[in-house]
């Protein structure tokens, strides 16, 4: 519980939704429609933003009307995207109360409160019933989880037999130790990266059958390098995910890109199924 409290404090701050909506209206006009497309430059709290979410949709292949679980839903950008673009119902669970409050405000602003439900809770004790979801996903959450087997066991419990889990995870690379701070942690005290082999083993131990498991580091490296160079040259723009965590995100994002470039971390894409 102490670690979870530290993680929540790392991410949480007041007024997130209000900052995002104000910035969007300043940039696009006071009467700009609040849509998932308009929000997409601000609410996909992931190093690769909306592109990573679109890849996750392509991997998970949700069907209209399905119930989807977002584990570590942040301020709800991916959940809203799934709901709006795929015609599904999404339940998001996040540890940080301020993220949950922001997600609910943005759901209402985008007219998606009837399709996206947000619950404040732990990924290690998901506040959802057994066998409730057709599909689930998690984007770069596992780095803050020490008990990774419990994380995967909870995802397994929540899925219906035959359900699918899509993951975009960071794992340890083969280079030197990770340089901090990074977007998920100020120091190694709340960062729990493991080698890719351990991730695969933990998924199998939880009961999942692995359908796809691949290292995507080389694929995304050129874009990450360009993003780092842009940040070092131009700094943070008017619109971006720094509206979630503040100016400190500049150094964190630069370090995150360097960690990938130097092989300190690796990005993993996985798809796993719960046997039916």
Protein backbone atom coordinates (compact mmCIF):
# COMPACT_ATOMS: atom_id res chain seq x y z
CA UNK A 1 0.00 0.00 0.00
CA UNK A 2 2.88 2.41 0.74
CA UNK A 3 4.22 1.95 -2.80
CA UNK A 4 0.75 2.53 -4.27
CA UNK A 5 0.41 5.74 -2.28
CA UNK A 6 3.79 6.93 -3.56
CA UNK A 7 2.80 6.12 -7.14
CA UNK A 8 -0.49 8.00 -6.81
CA UNK A 9 1.33 11.04 -5.40
CA UNK A 10 3.80 10.96 -8.29
CA UNK A 11 1.00 11.37 -10.83
CA UNK A 12 -1.68 13.28 -8.98
CA UNK A 13 -2.33 17.01 -8.99
CA UNK A 14 -5.48 19.10 -8.97
CA UNK A 15 -7.27 20.73 -11.90
CA UNK A 16 -6.10 18.47 -14.72
CA UNK A 17 -9.32 18.48 -16.75
CA UNK A 18 -9.79 22.21 -16.29
CA UNK A 19 -6.26 22.91 -17.63
CA UNK A 20 -6.82 20.65 -20.60
CA UNK A 21 -10.17 22.14 -21.56
CA UNK A 22 -8.88 25.70 -21.12
CA UNK A 23 -5.81 25.02 -23.27
CA UNK A 24 -7.90 23.37 -25.97
CA UNK A 25 -10.30 26.32 -26.11
CA UNK A 26 -7.46 28.83 -26.13
CA UNK A 27 -5.84 27.03 -29.06
CA UNK A 28 -8.97 26.22 -31.08
CA UNK A 29 -11.59 28.76 -30.00
CA UNK A 30 -14.00 28.99 -27.10
CA UNK A 31 -16.75 27.16 -29.00
CA UNK A 32 -14.57 24.27 -30.22
CA UNK A 33 -16.34 20.89 -29.92
CA UNK A 34 -14.83 18.61 -27.26
CA UNK A 35 -14.32 15.38 -29.18
CA UNK A 36 -11.93 12.46 -28.81
CA UNK A 37 -10.06 13.73 -31.86
CA UNK A 38 -9.65 17.21 -30.43
CA UNK A 39 -8.53 15.79 -27.07
CA UNK A 40 -6.13 13.28 -28.59
CA UNK A 41 -3.05 15.54 -28.40
CA UNK A 42 -3.66 15.97 -24.68
CA UNK A 43 -5.20 12.91 -23.07
CA UNK A 44 -3.19 9.90 -24.28
CA UNK A 45 -0.62 9.90 -21.51
CA UNK A 46 1.90 7.71 -23.25
CA UNK A 47 5.26 8.51 -24.78
CA UNK A 48 3.84 7.92 -28.27
CA UNK A 49 0.41 9.41 -27.66
CA UNK A 50 -2.52 8.60 -29.92
CA UNK A 51 -0.35 6.49 -32.25
CA UNK A 52 0.21 3.96 -29.46
CA UNK A 53 -3.51 3.81 -28.71
CA UNK A 54 -4.36 3.25 -32.37
CA UNK A 55 -1.87 0.39 -32.47
CA UNK A 56 -3.48 -1.09 -29.36
CA UNK A 57 -6.92 -0.96 -31.02
CA UNK A 58 -5.50 -2.76 -34.06
CA UNK A 59 -3.96 -5.40 -31.81
CA UNK A 60 -7.03 -6.00 -29.63
CA UNK A 61 -9.64 -5.81 -32.44
CA UNK A 62 -12.68 -4.96 -30.27
CA UNK A 63 -16.16 -5.66 -31.63
CA UNK A 64 -19.06 -3.17 -31.28
CA UNK A 65 -21.03 -3.65 -28.07
CA UNK A 66 -18.25 -5.47 -26.21
CA UNK A 67 -17.23 -4.67 -22.65
CA UNK A 68 -13.60 -3.57 -22.42
CA UNK A 69 -11.40 -3.13 -19.33
CA UNK A 70 -8.67 -0.47 -19.24
CA UNK A 71 -6.20 -1.27 -16.45
CA UNK A 72 -4.44 1.92 -15.42
CA UNK A 73 -6.74 4.21 -17.38
CA UNK A 74 -5.09 7.53 -16.49
CA UNK A 75 -7.26 10.49 -17.48
CA UNK A 76 -9.26 8.29 -19.85
CA UNK A 77 -7.95 9.20 -23.30
CA UNK A 78 -7.60 5.64 -24.63
CA UNK A 79 -10.87 4.58 -22.99
CA UNK A 80 -12.74 7.40 -24.71
CA UNK A 81 -11.03 6.60 -28.01
CA UNK A 82 -12.02 2.92 -27.81
CA UNK A 83 -15.60 3.84 -26.90
CA UNK A 84 -16.02 6.47 -29.62
CA UNK A 85 -14.18 4.73 -32.44
CA UNK A 86 -15.10 1.09 -31.77
CA UNK A 87 -18.62 1.33 -30.34
CA UNK A 88 -17.70 -0.48 -27.12
CA UNK A 89 -18.29 0.09 -23.41
CA UNK A 90 -15.14 0.72 -21.41
CA UNK A 91 -14.49 0.48 -17.68
CA UNK A 92 -11.28 2.20 -16.64
CA UNK A 93 -9.54 1.54 -13.33
CA UNK A 94 -6.84 3.87 -12.05
CA UNK A 95 -4.98 4.28 -8.77
CA UNK A 96 -4.73 8.10 -8.84
CA UNK A 97 -7.86 9.92 -7.59
CA UNK A 98 -7.01 13.09 -9.51
CA UNK A 99 -6.74 11.11 -12.75
CA UNK A 100 -10.14 9.52 -12.13
CA UNK A 101 -11.75 12.91 -11.44
CA UNK A 102 -10.23 14.35 -14.62
CA UNK A 103 -11.37 11.34 -16.66
CA UNK A 104 -14.96 11.71 -15.47
CA UNK A 105 -15.01 15.42 -16.31
CA UNK A 106 -13.59 14.80 -19.78
CA UNK A 107 -16.01 11.90 -20.37
CA UNK A 108 -18.91 14.27 -19.74
CA UNK A 109 -17.38 17.01 -21.88
CA UNK A 110 -17.00 14.58 -24.79
CA UNK A 111 -20.51 13.15 -24.35
CA UNK A 112 -19.20 9.69 -23.46
CA UNK A 113 -20.24 9.32 -19.82
CA UNK A 114 -22.72 6.60 -20.83
CA UNK A 115 -20.00 4.53 -22.53
CA UNK A 116 -16.98 5.04 -20.27
CA UNK A 117 -17.07 4.23 -16.55
CA UNK A 118 -14.16 5.16 -14.30
CA UNK A 119 -13.31 3.42 -11.03
CA UNK A 120 -10.65 4.50 -8.55
CA UNK A 121 -8.79 1.37 -7.47
CA UNK A 122 -5.72 -0.81 -7.61
CA UNK A 123 -4.68 -3.03 -10.50
CA UNK A 124 -3.78 -5.60 -7.83
CA UNK A 125 -7.39 -5.77 -6.58
CA UNK A 126 -9.52 -4.63 -9.50
CA UNK A 127 -12.95 -3.35 -8.36
CA UNK A 128 -14.75 -5.40 -11.02
CA UNK A 129 -16.56 -8.76 -11.07
CA UNK A 130 -15.13 -12.07 -12.24
CA UNK A 131 -15.50 -13.01 -15.93
CA UNK A 132 -17.00 -9.60 -16.78
CA UNK A 133 -15.07 -8.35 -19.82
CA UNK A 134 -14.66 -9.47 -23.40
CA UNK A 135 -11.26 -7.79 -23.77
CA UNK A 136 -8.79 -5.82 -21.67
CA UNK A 137 -5.73 -3.70 -22.25
CA UNK A 138 -3.02 -1.87 -20.34
CA UNK A 139 -0.58 0.76 -21.61
CA UNK A 140 2.71 1.31 -19.77
CA UNK A 141 1.32 0.65 -16.30
CA UNK A 142 3.30 -2.40 -15.24
CA UNK A 143 6.47 -0.37 -14.56
CA UNK A 144 4.84 0.87 -11.34
CA UNK A 145 3.75 -2.63 -10.26
CA UNK A 146 6.03 -4.66 -8.00
CA UNK A 147 3.77 -7.74 -7.82
CA UNK A 148 3.43 -8.36 -11.53
CA UNK A 149 1.98 -11.84 -11.22
CA UNK A 150 -0.90 -10.47 -9.16
CA UNK A 151 -1.45 -7.81 -11.82
CA UNK A 152 -1.81 -10.46 -14.51
CA UNK A 153 -3.90 -12.72 -12.25
CA UNK A 154 -6.37 -9.89 -11.71
CA UNK A 155 -6.61 -9.24 -15.44
CA UNK A 156 -7.19 -12.97 -15.97
CA UNK A 157 -9.93 -13.01 -13.31
CA UNK A 158 -11.77 -10.06 -14.87
CA UNK A 159 -11.85 -11.52 -18.39
CA UNK A 160 -14.48 -13.87 -19.70
CA UNK A 161 -13.25 -17.28 -20.87
CA UNK A 162 -11.87 -16.69 -24.36
CA UNK A 163 -11.18 -13.03 -23.54
CA UNK A 164 -8.11 -11.22 -24.81
CA UNK A 165 -5.55 -8.99 -23.05
CA UNK A 166 -3.43 -6.53 -25.06
CA UNK A 167 -0.34 -5.01 -23.45
CA UNK A 168 2.06 -2.23 -24.26
CA UNK A 169 4.78 -2.61 -21.64
CA UNK A 170 8.23 -1.31 -20.84
CA UNK A 171 10.78 -3.91 -19.78
CA UNK A 172 14.43 -3.82 -18.85
CA UNK A 173 16.78 -3.58 -21.77
CA UNK A 174 20.30 -4.96 -22.03
CA UNK A 175 22.11 -1.68 -21.46
CA UNK A 176 23.08 0.31 -18.38
CA UNK A 177 20.68 1.11 -15.51
CA UNK A 178 17.70 3.35 -16.23
CA UNK A 179 18.25 7.11 -15.96
CA UNK A 180 15.70 8.94 -13.79
CA UNK A 181 13.42 10.85 -13.56
CA UNK A 182 11.11 9.36 -16.18
CA UNK A 183 7.37 9.84 -16.70
CA UNK A 184 6.46 6.88 -14.48
CA UNK A 185 8.90 7.49 -11.61
CA UNK A 186 11.17 10.09 -10.06
CA UNK A 187 13.54 7.38 -8.81
CA UNK A 188 13.92 3.60 -8.90
CA UNK A 189 11.93 3.41 -5.63
CA UNK A 190 8.64 3.24 -7.56
CA UNK A 191 9.97 1.71 -10.79
CA UNK A 192 9.83 -2.07 -11.20
CA UNK A 193 11.11 -3.02 -14.61
CA UNK A 194 11.83 -6.67 -15.38
CA UNK A 195 13.38 -8.47 -18.37
CA UNK A 196 11.04 -9.47 -21.17
CA UNK A 197 11.47 -13.16 -20.30
CA UNK A 198 10.08 -12.48 -16.82
CA UNK A 199 7.05 -10.70 -18.30
CA UNK A 200 6.33 -13.65 -20.55
CA UNK A 201 6.74 -16.12 -17.67
CA UNK A 202 4.42 -14.08 -15.41
CA UNK A 203 1.69 -14.05 -18.06
CA UNK A 204 1.87 -17.82 -18.40
CA UNK A 205 1.88 -18.32 -14.64
CA UNK A 206 -1.33 -16.27 -14.41
CA UNK A 207 -2.96 -18.71 -16.83
CA UNK A 208 -2.75 -16.81 -20.10
CA UNK A 209 -1.92 -18.33 -23.45
CA UNK A 210 0.39 -15.98 -25.33
CA UNK A 211 -0.80 -15.21 -28.86
CA UNK A 212 1.82 -12.56 -29.70
CA UNK A 213 4.90 -11.30 -27.89
CA UNK A 214 7.40 -9.01 -29.59
CA UNK A 215 9.99 -6.37 -28.90
CA UNK A 216 8.98 -3.19 -30.72
CA UNK A 217 11.95 -1.05 -29.63
CA UNK A 218 13.59 -0.90 -33.05
CA UNK A 219 10.29 0.01 -34.71
CA UNK A 220 9.60 3.05 -32.54
CA UNK A 221 13.17 4.22 -31.97
CA UNK A 222 13.37 6.67 -34.92
CA UNK A 223 10.21 8.51 -33.82
CA UNK A 224 11.38 8.58 -30.21
CA UNK A 225 14.72 10.04 -31.25
CA UNK A 226 13.01 12.74 -33.31
CA UNK A 227 10.74 13.56 -30.38
CA UNK A 228 13.72 13.89 -28.02
CA UNK A 229 15.51 16.19 -30.45
CA UNK A 230 12.38 18.33 -30.78
CA UNK A 231 11.97 18.57 -27.01
CA UNK A 232 15.62 19.52 -26.53
CA UNK A 233 15.37 22.15 -29.26
CA UNK A 234 11.88 23.61 -28.72
CA UNK A 235 10.79 22.55 -25.25
CA UNK A 236 7.14 21.90 -24.39
CA UNK A 237 4.44 23.36 -26.63
CA UNK A 238 1.09 24.90 -25.70
CA UNK A 239 -0.75 21.57 -26.05
CA UNK A 240 0.55 18.29 -24.74
CA UNK A 241 0.53 15.79 -21.90
CA UNK A 242 2.63 18.14 -19.77
CA UNK A 243 -0.74 19.71 -18.90
CA UNK A 244 -1.29 16.54 -16.86
CA UNK A 245 1.94 16.53 -14.84
CA UNK A 246 3.49 19.93 -15.36
CA UNK A 247 6.81 21.27 -16.65
CA UNK A 248 8.80 18.47 -15.01
CA UNK A 249 7.60 16.22 -17.84
CA UNK A 250 10.14 17.79 -20.20
CA UNK A 251 13.14 16.21 -18.48
CA UNK A 252 11.21 13.00 -17.91
CA UNK A 253 10.32 12.58 -21.59
CA UNK A 254 13.86 13.34 -22.73
CA UNK A 255 15.24 10.76 -20.30
CA UNK A 256 12.65 8.23 -21.41
CA UNK A 257 13.72 8.55 -25.04
CA UNK A 258 17.39 8.32 -24.12
CA UNK A 259 16.77 5.17 -22.10
CA UNK A 260 15.26 3.55 -25.17
CA UNK A 261 17.97 4.83 -27.51
CA UNK A 262 20.71 3.51 -25.21
CA UNK A 263 19.07 0.10 -24.72
CA UNK A 264 18.33 0.67 -21.04
CA UNK A 265 14.66 -0.18 -21.62
CA UNK A 266 12.73 -2.15 -24.22
CA UNK A 267 9.17 -1.76 -25.46
CA UNK A 268 7.09 -4.92 -25.62
CA UNK A 269 3.76 -5.53 -27.36
CA UNK A 270 1.84 -8.62 -26.29
CA UNK A 271 -1.51 -10.24 -26.86
CA UNK A 272 -2.66 -12.98 -24.50
CA UNK A 273 -5.86 -15.01 -24.22
CA UNK A 274 -7.77 -16.56 -21.34
CA UNK A 275 -8.51 -20.14 -22.39
CA UNK A 276 -12.21 -20.71 -22.96
